[in-house]
Amino acid sequence: MKKALVVLAVVIGMALVFTSGYAQKWDSAMEAMAIAKGKPFKFTAIEVISVDPKGQTAVLKGPKGKTAVARFGYAKYEGSYSGVADIKPGEKISGEGQVVNGTNWIQRVAPAATGAAPAVGPNKD
């Protein structure tokens, strides 16, 4: 009886491990398609508060003092940036992104032009 319970527990455990791995692959494959259908926005001269290179995220401060988390997983870097690790706290950045299910996905990022006024708004292009 004890052996049967151990075998059953092992089988259930393996099933949970394999199915959760499959679900994660599906999520990452569908992520890019969801981003393409998001609500586009542009931002100019937004201040970087903090950066997490491993998580590919940054906390940004908008023109009205509100902060937001932005994900850089699909970003294209311009200017002196070649990755999220090159973006430093205190710098000002500009670019474009998409809002998908309340998450800000940055798609293009570059250093802000000197003297540019901070702004965030919908992408009307």
PDB file of N, CA and C in Angstrom:
ATOM      1  N   MET A   1       0.821  -1.193   0.000  1.00  0.00           N
ATOM      2  CA  MET A   1       0.000   0.000   0.000  1.00  0.00           C
ATOM      3  C   MET A   1       0.869   1.263   0.000  1.00  0.00           C
ATOM      4  N   LYS A   2       1.946   1.251   0.815  1.00  0.00           N
ATOM      5  CA  LYS A   2       2.812   2.417   0.873  1.00  0.00           C
ATOM      6  C   LYS A   2       3.530   2.636  -0.455  1.00  0.00           C
ATOM      7  N   LYS A   3       3.944   1.530  -1.097  1.00  0.00           N
ATOM      8  CA  LYS A   3       4.624   1.649  -2.379  1.00  0.00           C
ATOM      9  C   LYS A   3       3.692   2.254  -3.426  1.00  0.00           C
ATOM     10  N   ALA A   4       2.429   1.879  -3.398  1.00  0.00           N
ATOM     11  CA  ALA A   4       1.463   2.404  -4.359  1.00  0.00           C
ATOM     12  C   ALA A   4       1.279   3.912  -4.166  1.00  0.00           C
ATOM     13  N   LEU A   5       1.241   4.375  -2.924  1.00  0.00           N
ATOM     14  CA  LEU A   5       1.102   5.804  -2.645  1.00  0.00           C
ATOM     15  C   LEU A   5       2.343   6.577  -3.106  1.00  0.00           C
ATOM     16  N   VAL A   6       3.514   6.020  -2.890  1.00  0.00           N
ATOM     17  CA  VAL A   6       4.752   6.669  -3.322  1.00  0.00           C
ATOM     18  C   VAL A   6       4.782   6.777  -4.847  1.00  0.00           C
ATOM     19  N   VAL A   7       4.436   5.689  -5.532  1.00  0.00           N
ATOM     20  CA  VAL A   7       4.411   5.700  -6.996  1.00  0.00           C
ATOM     21  C   VAL A   7       3.397   6.722  -7.495  1.00  0.00           C
ATOM     22  N   LEU A   8       2.225   6.769  -6.895  1.00  0.00           N
ATOM     23  CA  LEU A   8       1.197   7.722  -7.283  1.00  0.00           C
ATOM     24  C   LEU A   8       1.688   9.159  -7.073  1.00  0.00           C
ATOM     25  N   ALA A   9       2.333   9.422  -5.951  1.00  0.00           N
ATOM     26  CA  ALA A   9       2.851  10.761  -5.676  1.00  0.00           C
ATOM     27  C   ALA A   9       3.913  11.160  -6.698  1.00  0.00           C
ATOM     28  N   VAL A  10       4.790  10.232  -7.068  1.00  0.00           N
ATOM     29  CA  VAL A  10       5.830  10.519  -8.059  1.00  0.00           C
ATOM     30  C   VAL A  10       5.199  10.818  -9.419  1.00  0.00           C
ATOM     31  N   VAL A  11       4.212  10.029  -9.817  1.00  0.00           N
ATOM     32  CA  VAL A  11       3.545  10.236 -11.104  1.00  0.00           C
ATOM     33  C   VAL A  11       2.845  11.592 -11.137  1.00  0.00           C
ATOM     34  N   ILE A  12       2.152  11.948 -10.076  1.00  0.00           N
ATOM     35  CA  ILE A  12       1.459  13.242 -10.017  1.00  0.00           C
ATOM     36  C   ILE A  12       2.481  14.378 -10.047  1.00  0.00           C
ATOM     37  N   GLY A  13       3.564  14.226  -9.301  1.00  0.00           N
ATOM     38  CA  GLY A  13       4.607  15.254  -9.290  1.00  0.00           C
ATOM     39  C   GLY A  13       5.221  15.466 -10.660  1.00  0.00           C
ATOM     40  N   MET A  14       5.510  14.383 -11.364  1.00  0.00           N
ATOM     41  CA  MET A  14       6.080  14.503 -12.706  1.00  0.00           C
ATOM     42  C   MET A  14       5.087  15.141 -13.672  1.00  0.00           C
ATOM     43  N   ALA A  15       3.830  14.811 -13.530  1.00  0.00           N
ATOM     44  CA  ALA A  15       2.806  15.407 -14.397  1.00  0.00           C
ATOM     45  C   ALA A  15       2.738  16.915 -14.182  1.00  0.00           C
ATOM     46  N   LEU A  16       2.821  17.357 -12.949  1.00  0.00           N
ATOM     47  CA  LEU A  16       2.793  18.796 -12.654  1.00  0.00           C
ATOM     48  C   LEU A  16       4.014  19.500 -13.227  1.00  0.00           C
ATOM     49  N   VAL A  17       5.169  18.910 -13.105  1.00  0.00           N
ATOM     50  CA  VAL A  17       6.400  19.514 -13.626  1.00  0.00           C
ATOM     51  C   VAL A  17       6.330  19.643 -15.146  1.00  0.00           C
ATOM     52  N   PHE A  18       5.944  18.594 -15.848  1.00  0.00           N
ATOM     53  CA  PHE A  18       5.927  18.630 -17.303  1.00  0.00           C
ATOM     54  C   PHE A  18       4.843  19.549 -17.845  1.00  0.00           C
ATOM     55  N   THR A  19       3.683  19.586 -17.226  1.00  0.00           N
ATOM     56  CA  THR A  19       2.621  20.450 -17.736  1.00  0.00           C
ATOM     57  C   THR A  19       2.917  21.913 -17.462  1.00  0.00           C
ATOM     58  N   SER A  20       3.567  22.250 -16.345  1.00  0.00           N
ATOM     59  CA  SER A  20       3.887  23.660 -16.086  1.00  0.00           C
ATOM     60  C   SER A  20       4.949  24.147 -17.060  1.00  0.00           C
ATOM     61  N   GLY A  21       5.907  23.322 -17.439  1.00  0.00           N
ATOM     62  CA  GLY A  21       6.906  23.696 -18.433  1.00  0.00           C
ATOM     63  C   GLY A  21       6.285  23.943 -19.784  1.00  0.00           C
ATOM     64  N   TYR A  22       5.331  23.149 -20.158  1.00  0.00           N
ATOM     65  CA  TYR A  22       4.631  23.335 -21.428  1.00  0.00           C
ATOM     66  C   TYR A  22       3.855  24.644 -21.420  1.00  0.00           C
ATOM     67  N   ALA A  23       3.203  24.975 -20.327  1.00  0.00           N
ATOM     68  CA  ALA A  23       2.424  26.210 -20.230  1.00  0.00           C
ATOM     69  C   ALA A  23       3.329  27.432 -20.342  1.00  0.00           C
ATOM     70  N   GLN A  24       4.524  27.392 -19.784  1.00  0.00           N
ATOM     71  CA  GLN A  24       5.434  28.523 -19.871  1.00  0.00           C
ATOM     72  C   GLN A  24       5.889  28.754 -21.306  1.00  0.00           C
ATOM     73  N   LYS A  25       6.151  27.702 -22.050  1.00  0.00           N
ATOM     74  CA  LYS A  25       6.548  27.854 -23.440  1.00  0.00           C
ATOM     75  C   LYS A  25       5.414  28.468 -24.252  1.00  0.00           C
ATOM     76  N   TRP A  26       4.215  28.068 -23.991  1.00  0.00           N
ATOM     77  CA  TRP A  26       3.073  28.625 -24.699  1.00  0.00           C
ATOM     78  C   TRP A  26       2.937  30.099 -24.398  1.00  0.00           C
ATOM     79  N   ASP A  27       3.093  30.502 -23.139  1.00  0.00           N
ATOM     80  CA  ASP A  27       2.967  31.907 -22.766  1.00  0.00           C
ATOM     81  C   ASP A  27       3.995  32.769 -23.480  1.00  0.00           C
ATOM     82  N   SER A  28       5.245  32.342 -23.521  1.00  0.00           N
ATOM     83  CA  SER A  28       6.281  33.156 -24.153  1.00  0.00           C
ATOM     84  C   SER A  28       6.075  33.244 -25.666  1.00  0.00           C
ATOM     85  N   ALA A  29       5.544  32.207 -26.278  1.00  0.00           N
ATOM     86  CA  ALA A  29       5.288  32.251 -27.714  1.00  0.00           C
ATOM     87  C   ALA A  29       4.146  33.198 -28.037  1.00  0.00           C
ATOM     88  N   MET A  30       3.152  33.236 -27.191  1.00  0.00           N
ATOM     89  CA  MET A  30       1.991  34.083 -27.428  1.00  0.00           C
ATOM     90  C   MET A  30       2.234  35.532 -27.030  1.00  0.00           C
ATOM     91  N   GLU A  31       3.256  35.780 -26.213  1.00  0.00           N
ATOM     92  CA  GLU A  31       3.547  37.120 -25.700  1.00  0.00           C
ATOM     93  C   GLU A  31       3.802  38.110 -26.836  1.00  0.00           C
ATOM     94  N   ALA A  32       4.639  37.757 -27.788  1.00  0.00           N
ATOM     95  CA  ALA A  32       4.975  38.650 -28.890  1.00  0.00           C
ATOM     96  C   ALA A  32       3.739  38.998 -29.720  1.00  0.00           C
ATOM     97  N   MET A  33       2.860  38.038 -29.934  1.00  0.00           N
ATOM     98  CA  MET A  33       1.640  38.302 -30.693  1.00  0.00           C
ATOM     99  C   MET A  33       0.727  39.261 -29.934  1.00  0.00           C
ATOM    100  N   ALA A  34       0.649  39.110 -28.621  1.00  0.00           N
ATOM    101  CA  ALA A  34      -0.182  40.005 -27.807  1.00  0.00           C
ATOM    102  C   ALA A  34       0.369  41.427 -27.823  1.00  0.00           C
ATOM    103  N   ILE A  35       1.692  41.561 -27.789  1.00  0.00           N
ATOM    104  CA  ILE A  35       2.309  42.887 -27.798  1.00  0.00           C
ATOM    105  C   ILE A  35       1.992  43.618 -29.100  1.00  0.00           C
ATOM    106  N   ALA A  36       1.984  42.902 -30.192  1.00  0.00           N
ATOM    107  CA  ALA A  36       1.690  43.519 -31.487  1.00  0.00           C
ATOM    108  C   ALA A  36       0.279  44.088 -31.535  1.00  0.00           C
ATOM    109  N   LYS A  37      -0.614  43.585 -30.702  1.00  0.00           N
ATOM    110  CA  LYS A  37      -2.002  44.042 -30.700  1.00  0.00           C
ATOM    111  C   LYS A  37      -2.285  45.035 -29.568  1.00  0.00           C
ATOM    112  N   GLY A  38      -1.261  45.465 -28.833  1.00  0.00           N
ATOM    113  CA  GLY A  38      -1.444  46.358 -27.693  1.00  0.00           C
ATOM    114  C   GLY A  38      -1.738  47.793 -28.103  1.00  0.00           C
ATOM    115  N   LYS A  39      -1.921  48.640 -27.095  1.00  0.00           N
ATOM    116  CA  LYS A  39      -2.204  50.053 -27.315  1.00  0.00           C
ATOM    117  C   LYS A  39      -0.872  50.814 -27.374  1.00  0.00           C
ATOM    118  N   PRO A  40      -0.518  51.386 -28.542  1.00  0.00           N
ATOM    119  CA  PRO A  40       0.785  52.033 -28.686  1.00  0.00           C
ATOM    120  C   PRO A  40       0.865  53.377 -27.950  1.00  0.00           C
ATOM    121  N   PHE A  41       2.072  53.712 -27.504  1.00  0.00           N
ATOM    122  CA  PHE A  41       2.325  55.006 -26.880  1.00  0.00           C
ATOM    123  C   PHE A  41       3.748  55.451 -27.176  1.00  0.00           C
ATOM    124  N   LYS A  42       3.993  56.761 -27.059  1.00  0.00           N
ATOM    125  CA  LYS A  42       5.325  57.344 -27.198  1.00  0.00           C
ATOM    126  C   LYS A  42       5.673  58.032 -25.885  1.00  0.00           C
ATOM    127  N   PHE A  43       6.966  58.125 -25.610  1.00  0.00           N
ATOM    128  CA  PHE A  43       7.417  58.860 -24.436  1.00  0.00           C
ATOM    129  C   PHE A  43       8.689  59.617 -24.775  1.00  0.00           C
ATOM    130  N   THR A  44       8.837  60.770 -24.149  1.00  0.00           N
ATOM    131  CA  THR A  44       9.985  61.634 -24.403  1.00  0.00           C
ATOM    132  C   THR A  44      10.559  62.102 -23.077  1.00  0.00           C
ATOM    133  N   ALA A  45      11.868  61.982 -22.916  1.00  0.00           N
ATOM    134  CA  ALA A  45      12.615  62.497 -21.762  1.00  0.00           C
ATOM    135  C   ALA A  45      12.040  62.009 -20.425  1.00  0.00           C
ATOM    136  N   ILE A  46      11.760  60.717 -20.330  1.00  0.00           N
ATOM    137  CA  ILE A  46      11.257  60.119 -19.092  1.00  0.00           C
ATOM    138  C   ILE A  46      12.453  59.687 -18.248  1.00  0.00           C
ATOM    139  N   GLU A  47      12.422  60.008 -16.953  1.00  0.00           N
ATOM    140  CA  GLU A  47      13.533  59.697 -16.060  1.00  0.00           C
ATOM    141  C   GLU A  47      13.508  58.237 -15.620  1.00  0.00           C
ATOM    142  N   VAL A  48      14.687  57.620 -15.623  1.00  0.00           N
ATOM    143  CA  VAL A  48      14.845  56.237 -15.176  1.00  0.00           C
ATOM    144  C   VAL A  48      15.128  56.265 -13.679  1.00  0.00           C
ATOM    145  N   ILE A  49      14.306  55.571 -12.878  1.00  0.00           N
ATOM    146  CA  ILE A  49      14.481  55.514 -11.425  1.00  0.00           C
ATOM    147  C   ILE A  49      15.389  54.348 -11.049  1.00  0.00           C
ATOM    148  N   SER A  50      15.106  53.159 -11.578  1.00  0.00           N
ATOM    149  CA  SER A  50      15.930  51.981 -11.304  1.00  0.00           C
ATOM    150  C   SER A  50      15.844  51.018 -12.478  1.00  0.00           C
ATOM    151  N   VAL A  51      16.862  50.135 -12.575  1.00  0.00           N
ATOM    152  CA  VAL A  51      16.945  49.181 -13.676  1.00  0.00           C
ATOM    153  C   VAL A  51      17.252  47.797 -13.111  1.00  0.00           C
ATOM    154  N   ASP A  52      16.577  46.771 -13.646  1.00  0.00           N
ATOM    155  CA  ASP A  52      16.855  45.378 -13.297  1.00  0.00           C
ATOM    156  C   ASP A  52      17.251  44.656 -14.585  1.00  0.00           C
ATOM    157  N   PRO A  53      18.568  44.563 -14.870  1.00  0.00           N
ATOM    158  CA  PRO A  53      18.998  43.941 -16.123  1.00  0.00           C
ATOM    159  C   PRO A  53      18.600  42.473 -16.248  1.00  0.00           C
ATOM    160  N   LYS A  54      18.613  41.718 -15.141  1.00  0.00           N
ATOM    161  CA  LYS A  54      18.237  40.302 -15.222  1.00  0.00           C
ATOM    162  C   LYS A  54      16.765  40.137 -15.576  1.00  0.00           C
ATOM    163  N   GLY A  55      15.920  40.957 -15.013  1.00  0.00           N
ATOM    164  CA  GLY A  55      14.493  40.893 -15.296  1.00  0.00           C
ATOM    165  C   GLY A  55      14.090  41.696 -16.514  1.00  0.00           C
ATOM    166  N   GLN A  56      15.047  42.422 -17.118  1.00  0.00           N
ATOM    167  CA  GLN A  56      14.809  43.284 -18.262  1.00  0.00           C
ATOM    168  C   GLN A  56      13.669  44.256 -18.012  1.00  0.00           C
ATOM    169  N   THR A  57      13.698  44.888 -16.829  1.00  0.00           N
ATOM    170  CA  THR A  57      12.676  45.862 -16.458  1.00  0.00           C
ATOM    171  C   THR A  57      13.335  47.121 -15.921  1.00  0.00           C
ATOM    172  N   ALA A  58      12.565  48.194 -15.883  1.00  0.00           N
ATOM    173  CA  ALA A  58      13.016  49.446 -15.293  1.00  0.00           C
ATOM    174  C   ALA A  58      11.808  50.160 -14.710  1.00  0.00           C
ATOM    175  N   VAL A  59      12.051  50.951 -13.673  1.00  0.00           N
ATOM    176  CA  VAL A  59      11.016  51.808 -13.114  1.00  0.00           C
ATOM    177  C   VAL A  59      11.261  53.192 -13.692  1.00  0.00           C
ATOM    178  N   LEU A  60      10.227  53.771 -14.303  1.00  0.00           N
ATOM    179  CA  LEU A  60      10.325  55.067 -14.959  1.00  0.00           C
ATOM    180  C   LEU A  60       9.418  56.070 -14.272  1.00  0.00           C
ATOM    181  N   LYS A  61       9.836  57.344 -14.269  1.00  0.00           N
ATOM    182  CA  LYS A  61       9.056  58.414 -13.646  1.00  0.00           C
ATOM    183  C   LYS A  61       8.536  59.333 -14.742  1.00  0.00           C
ATOM    184  N   GLY A  62       7.207  59.443 -14.819  1.00  0.00           N
ATOM    185  CA  GLY A  62       6.567  60.252 -15.846  1.00  0.00           C
ATOM    186  C   GLY A  62       6.598  61.732 -15.539  1.00  0.00           C
ATOM    187  N   PRO A  63       6.075  62.551 -16.460  1.00  0.00           N
ATOM    188  CA  PRO A  63       6.127  64.009 -16.298  1.00  0.00           C
ATOM    189  C   PRO A  63       5.311  64.532 -15.116  1.00  0.00           C
ATOM    190  N   LYS A  64       4.304  63.792 -14.672  1.00  0.00           N
ATOM    191  CA  LYS A  64       3.492  64.235 -13.535  1.00  0.00           C
ATOM    192  C   LYS A  64       3.931  63.590 -12.233  1.00  0.00           C
ATOM    193  N   GLY A  65       5.099  62.945 -12.227  1.00  0.00           N
ATOM    194  CA  GLY A  65       5.640  62.336 -11.021  1.00  0.00           C
ATOM    195  C   GLY A  65       5.197  60.906 -10.771  1.00  0.00           C
ATOM    196  N   LYS A  66       4.326  60.365 -11.620  1.00  0.00           N
ATOM    197  CA  LYS A  66       3.890  58.980 -11.450  1.00  0.00           C
ATOM    198  C   LYS A  66       4.988  58.035 -11.930  1.00  0.00           C
ATOM    199  N   THR A  67       5.100  56.906 -11.246  1.00  0.00           N
ATOM    200  CA  THR A  67       6.080  55.910 -11.650  1.00  0.00           C
ATOM    201  C   THR A  67       5.381  54.716 -12.294  1.00  0.00           C
ATOM    202  N   ALA A  68       6.100  54.030 -13.169  1.00  0.00           N
ATOM    203  CA  ALA A  68       5.564  52.853 -13.843  1.00  0.00           C
ATOM    204  C   ALA A  68       6.703  51.883 -14.110  1.00  0.00           C
ATOM    205  N   VAL A  69       6.376  50.607 -14.106  1.00  0.00           N
ATOM    206  CA  VAL A  69       7.349  49.574 -14.458  1.00  0.00           C
ATOM    207  C   VAL A  69       7.229  49.323 -15.952  1.00  0.00           C
ATOM    208  N   ALA A  70       8.372  49.239 -16.614  1.00  0.00           N
ATOM    209  CA  ALA A  70       8.397  48.971 -18.049  1.00  0.00           C
ATOM    210  C   ALA A  70       9.252  47.736 -18.309  1.00  0.00           C
ATOM    211  N   ARG A  71       8.797  46.909 -19.232  1.00  0.00           N
ATOM    212  CA  ARG A  71       9.537  45.695 -19.597  1.00  0.00           C
ATOM    213  C   ARG A  71      10.233  45.924 -20.933  1.00  0.00           C
ATOM    214  N   PHE A  72      11.501  45.497 -21.026  1.00  0.00           N
ATOM    215  CA  PHE A  72      12.327  45.731 -22.197  1.00  0.00           C
ATOM    216  C   PHE A  72      12.651  44.443 -22.948  1.00  0.00           C
ATOM    217  N   GLY A  73      11.885  43.389 -22.761  1.00  0.00           N
ATOM    218  CA  GLY A  73      12.182  42.092 -23.360  1.00  0.00           C
ATOM    219  C   GLY A  73      12.238  42.085 -24.878  1.00  0.00           C
ATOM    220  N   TYR A  74      11.496  42.968 -25.545  1.00  0.00           N
ATOM    221  CA  TYR A  74      11.457  43.000 -27.003  1.00  0.00           C
ATOM    222  C   TYR A  74      11.940  44.342 -27.551  1.00  0.00           C
ATOM    223  N   ALA A  75      12.680  45.105 -26.746  1.00  0.00           N
ATOM    224  CA  ALA A  75      13.092  46.457 -27.137  1.00  0.00           C
ATOM    225  C   ALA A  75      14.211  46.445 -28.167  1.00  0.00           C
ATOM    226  N   LYS A  76      14.182  47.460 -29.024  1.00  0.00           N
ATOM    227  CA  LYS A  76      15.278  47.743 -29.947  1.00  0.00           C
ATOM    228  C   LYS A  76      15.983  48.973 -29.378  1.00  0.00           C
ATOM    229  N   TYR A  77      17.292  48.869 -29.230  1.00  0.00           N
ATOM    230  CA  TYR A  77      18.070  49.925 -28.582  1.00  0.00           C
ATOM    231  C   TYR A  77      18.755  50.784 -29.629  1.00  0.00           C
ATOM    232  N   GLU A  78      18.742  52.093 -29.383  1.00  0.00           N
ATOM    233  CA  GLU A  78      19.347  53.044 -30.300  1.00  0.00           C
ATOM    234  C   GLU A  78      20.336  53.917 -29.539  1.00  0.00           C
ATOM    235  N   GLY A  79      21.141  54.632 -30.281  1.00  0.00           N
ATOM    236  CA  GLY A  79      22.111  55.531 -29.662  1.00  0.00           C
ATOM    237  C   GLY A  79      23.184  54.752 -28.923  1.00  0.00           C
ATOM    238  N   SER A  80      23.472  55.145 -27.706  1.00  0.00           N
ATOM    239  CA  SER A  80      24.538  54.506 -26.927  1.00  0.00           C
ATOM    240  C   SER A  80      24.073  53.247 -26.206  1.00  0.00           C
ATOM    241  N   TYR A  81      22.823  52.854 -26.371  1.00  0.00           N
ATOM    242  CA  TYR A  81      22.298  51.679 -25.685  1.00  0.00           C
ATOM    243  C   TYR A  81      22.393  50.431 -26.565  1.00  0.00           C
ATOM    244  N   SER A  82      22.904  49.353 -25.978  1.00  0.00           N
ATOM    245  CA  SER A  82      22.895  48.073 -26.691  1.00  0.00           C
ATOM    246  C   SER A  82      22.107  47.025 -25.904  1.00  0.00           C
ATOM    247  N   GLY A  83      21.612  47.399 -24.744  1.00  0.00           N
ATOM    248  CA  GLY A  83      20.811  46.506 -23.915  1.00  0.00           C
ATOM    249  C   GLY A  83      20.303  47.254 -22.697  1.00  0.00           C
ATOM    250  N   VAL A  84      19.435  46.615 -21.938  1.00  0.00           N
ATOM    251  CA  VAL A  84      18.848  47.270 -20.772  1.00  0.00           C
ATOM    252  C   VAL A  84      19.904  47.579 -19.711  1.00  0.00           C
ATOM    253  N   ALA A  85      20.988  46.824 -19.668  1.00  0.00           N
ATOM    254  CA  ALA A  85      22.045  47.072 -18.687  1.00  0.00           C
ATOM    255  C   ALA A  85      22.767  48.397 -18.944  1.00  0.00           C
ATOM    256  N   ASP A  86      22.678  48.921 -20.165  1.00  0.00           N
ATOM    257  CA  ASP A  86      23.324  50.201 -20.491  1.00  0.00           C
ATOM    258  C   ASP A  86      22.521  51.398 -19.992  1.00  0.00           C
ATOM    259  N   ILE A  87      21.264  51.191 -19.672  1.00  0.00           N
ATOM    260  CA  ILE A  87      20.411  52.279 -19.174  1.00  0.00           C
ATOM    261  C   ILE A  87      20.683  52.435 -17.680  1.00  0.00           C
ATOM    262  N   LYS A  88      21.017  53.629 -17.255  1.00  0.00           N
ATOM    263  CA  LYS A  88      21.396  53.881 -15.863  1.00  0.00           C
ATOM    264  C   LYS A  88      20.349  54.750 -15.162  1.00  0.00           C
ATOM    265  N   PRO A  89      20.155  54.523 -13.853  1.00  0.00           N
ATOM    266  CA  PRO A  89      19.243  55.380 -13.089  1.00  0.00           C
ATOM    267  C   PRO A  89      19.675  56.849 -13.182  1.00  0.00           C
ATOM    268  N   GLY A  90      18.697  57.719 -13.306  1.00  0.00           N
ATOM    269  CA  GLY A  90      18.955  59.145 -13.419  1.00  0.00           C
ATOM    270  C   GLY A  90      18.987  59.634 -14.852  1.00  0.00           C
ATOM    271  N   GLU A  91      19.173  58.737 -15.818  1.00  0.00           N
ATOM    272  CA  GLU A  91      19.174  59.134 -17.222  1.00  0.00           C
ATOM    273  C   GLU A  91      17.745  59.404 -17.687  1.00  0.00           C
ATOM    274  N   LYS A  92      17.641  60.120 -18.786  1.00  0.00           N
ATOM    275  CA  LYS A  92      16.340  60.362 -19.411  1.00  0.00           C
ATOM    276  C   LYS A  92      16.329  59.634 -20.745  1.00  0.00           C
ATOM    277  N   ILE A  93      15.223  58.929 -21.008  1.00  0.00           N
ATOM    278  CA  ILE A  93      15.101  58.150 -22.230  1.00  0.00           C
ATOM    279  C   ILE A  93      13.842  58.537 -22.998  1.00  0.00           C
ATOM    280  N   SER A  94      13.837  58.226 -24.273  1.00  0.00           N
ATOM    281  CA  SER A  94      12.685  58.450 -25.147  1.00  0.00           C
ATOM    282  C   SER A  94      12.461  57.187 -25.966  1.00  0.00           C
ATOM    283  N   GLY A  95      11.248  57.031 -26.486  1.00  0.00           N
ATOM    284  CA  GLY A  95      10.988  55.867 -27.314  1.00  0.00           C
ATOM    285  C   GLY A  95       9.516  55.606 -27.526  1.00  0.00           C
ATOM    286  N   GLU A  96       9.219  54.344 -27.829  1.00  0.00           N
ATOM    287  CA  GLU A  96       7.850  53.900 -28.096  1.00  0.00           C
ATOM    288  C   GLU A  96       7.602  52.578 -27.406  1.00  0.00           C
ATOM    289  N   GLY A  97       6.329  52.286 -27.166  1.00  0.00           N
ATOM    290  CA  GLY A  97       5.985  51.021 -26.546  1.00  0.00           C
ATOM    291  C   GLY A  97       4.540  50.653 -26.792  1.00  0.00           C
ATOM    292  N   GLN A  98       4.125  49.568 -26.146  1.00  0.00           N
ATOM    293  CA  GLN A  98       2.757  49.065 -26.228  1.00  0.00           C
ATOM    294  C   GLN A  98       2.288  48.738 -24.817  1.00  0.00           C
ATOM    295  N   VAL A  99       1.035  49.009 -24.528  1.00  0.00           N
ATOM    296  CA  VAL A  99       0.432  48.594 -23.263  1.00  0.00           C
ATOM    297  C   VAL A  99      -0.398  47.353 -23.551  1.00  0.00           C
ATOM    298  N   VAL A 100      -0.056  46.248 -22.883  1.00  0.00           N
ATOM    299  CA  VAL A 100      -0.760  44.981 -23.066  1.00  0.00           C
ATOM    300  C   VAL A 100      -1.182  44.484 -21.693  1.00  0.00           C
ATOM    301  N   ASN A 101      -2.472  44.388 -21.474  1.00  0.00           N
ATOM    302  CA  ASN A 101      -3.011  43.909 -20.193  1.00  0.00           C
ATOM    303  C   ASN A 101      -2.403  44.654 -19.011  1.00  0.00           C
ATOM    304  N   GLY A 102      -2.236  45.958 -19.137  1.00  0.00           N
ATOM    305  CA  GLY A 102      -1.716  46.779 -18.047  1.00  0.00           C
ATOM    306  C   GLY A 102      -0.208  46.763 -17.902  1.00  0.00           C
ATOM    307  N   THR A 103       0.507  46.068 -18.783  1.00  0.00           N
ATOM    308  CA  THR A 103       1.964  46.010 -18.727  1.00  0.00           C
ATOM    309  C   THR A 103       2.549  46.876 -19.836  1.00  0.00           C
ATOM    310  N   ASN A 104       3.527  47.718 -19.478  1.00  0.00           N
ATOM    311  CA  ASN A 104       4.192  48.580 -20.448  1.00  0.00           C
ATOM    312  C   ASN A 104       5.368  47.838 -21.078  1.00  0.00           C
ATOM    313  N   TRP A 105       5.260  47.525 -22.352  1.00  0.00           N
ATOM    314  CA  TRP A 105       6.326  46.858 -23.089  1.00  0.00           C
ATOM    315  C   TRP A 105       7.003  47.890 -23.965  1.00  0.00           C
ATOM    316  N   ILE A 106       8.278  48.153 -23.714  1.00  0.00           N
ATOM    317  CA  ILE A 106       9.030  49.110 -24.509  1.00  0.00           C
ATOM    318  C   ILE A 106       9.514  48.411 -25.767  1.00  0.00           C
ATOM    319  N   GLN A 107       9.303  49.039 -26.923  1.00  0.00           N
ATOM    320  CA  GLN A 107       9.710  48.443 -28.189  1.00  0.00           C
ATOM    321  C   GLN A 107      10.897  49.157 -28.812  1.00  0.00           C
ATOM    322  N   ARG A 108      11.064  50.437 -28.522  1.00  0.00           N
ATOM    323  CA  ARG A 108      12.190  51.203 -29.034  1.00  0.00           C
ATOM    324  C   ARG A 108      12.603  52.173 -27.951  1.00  0.00           C
ATOM    325  N   VAL A 109      13.905  52.258 -27.678  1.00  0.00           N
ATOM    326  CA  VAL A 109      14.388  53.162 -26.641  1.00  0.00           C
ATOM    327  C   VAL A 109      15.698  53.787 -27.094  1.00  0.00           C
ATOM    328  N   ALA A 110      15.860  55.076 -26.770  1.00  0.00           N
ATOM    329  CA  ALA A 110      17.062  55.827 -27.111  1.00  0.00           C
ATOM    330  C   ALA A 110      17.277  56.883 -26.031  1.00  0.00           C
ATOM    331  N   PRO A 111      18.492  57.394 -25.898  1.00  0.00           N
ATOM    332  CA  PRO A 111      18.709  58.501 -24.959  1.00  0.00           C
ATOM    333  C   PRO A 111      17.870  59.701 -25.392  1.00  0.00           C
ATOM    334  N   ALA A 112      17.346  60.429 -24.430  1.00  0.00           N
ATOM    335  CA  ALA A 112      16.526  61.601 -24.740  1.00  0.00           C
ATOM    336  C   ALA A 112      17.403  62.726 -25.270  1.00  0.00           C
ATOM    337  N   ALA A 113      16.835  63.511 -26.163  1.00  0.00           N
ATOM    338  CA  ALA A 113      17.539  64.674 -26.692  1.00  0.00           C
ATOM    339  C   ALA A 113      17.746  65.696 -25.573  1.00  0.00           C
ATOM    340  N   THR A 114      18.863  66.377 -25.596  1.00  0.00           N
ATOM    341  CA  THR A 114      19.161  67.389 -24.592  1.00  0.00           C
ATOM    342  C   THR A 114      18.106  68.483 -24.623  1.00  0.00           C
ATOM    343  N   GLY A 115      17.555  68.797 -23.471  1.00  0.00           N
ATOM    344  CA  GLY A 115      16.551  69.858 -23.351  1.00  0.00           C
ATOM    345  C   GLY A 115      15.144  69.449 -23.719  1.00  0.00           C
ATOM    346  N   ALA A 116      14.903  68.190 -24.024  1.00  0.00           N
ATOM    347  CA  ALA A 116      13.558  67.731 -24.382  1.00  0.00           C
ATOM    348  C   ALA A 116      12.649  67.758 -23.166  1.00  0.00           C
ATOM    349  N   ALA A 117      11.404  68.157 -23.370  1.00  0.00           N
ATOM    350  CA  ALA A 117      10.434  68.201 -22.281  1.00  0.00           C
ATOM    351  C   ALA A 117       9.823  66.818 -22.076  1.00  0.00           C
ATOM    352  N   PRO A 118       9.667  66.376 -20.810  1.00  0.00           N
ATOM    353  CA  PRO A 118       9.063  65.073 -20.552  1.00  0.00           C
ATOM    354  C   PRO A 118       7.621  65.011 -21.043  1.00  0.00           C
ATOM    355  N   ALA A 119       7.256  63.931 -21.715  1.00  0.00           N
ATOM    356  CA  ALA A 119       5.898  63.751 -22.216  1.00  0.00           C
ATOM    357  C   ALA A 119       5.629  62.274 -22.447  1.00  0.00           C
ATOM    358  N   VAL A 120       4.371  61.888 -22.227  1.00  0.00           N
ATOM    359  CA  VAL A 120       3.898  60.536 -22.521  1.00  0.00           C
ATOM    360  C   VAL A 120       2.543  60.677 -23.169  1.00  0.00           C
ATOM    361  N   GLY A 121       2.335  59.946 -24.243  1.00  0.00           N
ATOM    362  CA  GLY A 121       1.043  60.046 -24.902  1.00  0.00           C
ATOM    363  C   GLY A 121       0.822  58.929 -25.889  1.00  0.00           C
ATOM    364  N   PRO A 122      -0.381  58.884 -26.445  1.00  0.00           N
ATOM    365  CA  PRO A 122      -0.697  57.825 -27.417  1.00  0.00           C
ATOM    366  C   PRO A 122       0.097  58.026 -28.706  1.00  0.00           C
ATOM    367  N   ASN A 123       0.385  56.932 -29.349  1.00  0.00           N
ATOM    368  CA  ASN A 123       1.083  56.958 -30.623  1.00  0.00           C
ATOM    369  C   ASN A 123       0.041  57.154 -31.708  1.00  0.00           C
ATOM    370  N   LYS A 124       0.063  58.291 -32.386  1.00  0.00           N
ATOM    371  CA  LYS A 124      -0.962  58.591 -33.401  1.00  0.00           C
ATOM    372  C   LYS A 124      -0.463  58.359 -34.809  1.00  0.00           C
ATOM    373  N   ASP A 125       0.720  57.736 -34.960  1.00  0.00           N
ATOM    374  CA  ASP A 125       1.259  57.465 -36.302  1.00  0.00           C
ATOM    375  C   ASP A 125       0.516  56.352 -36.974  1.00  0.00           C
TER     376      ASP A 125
END
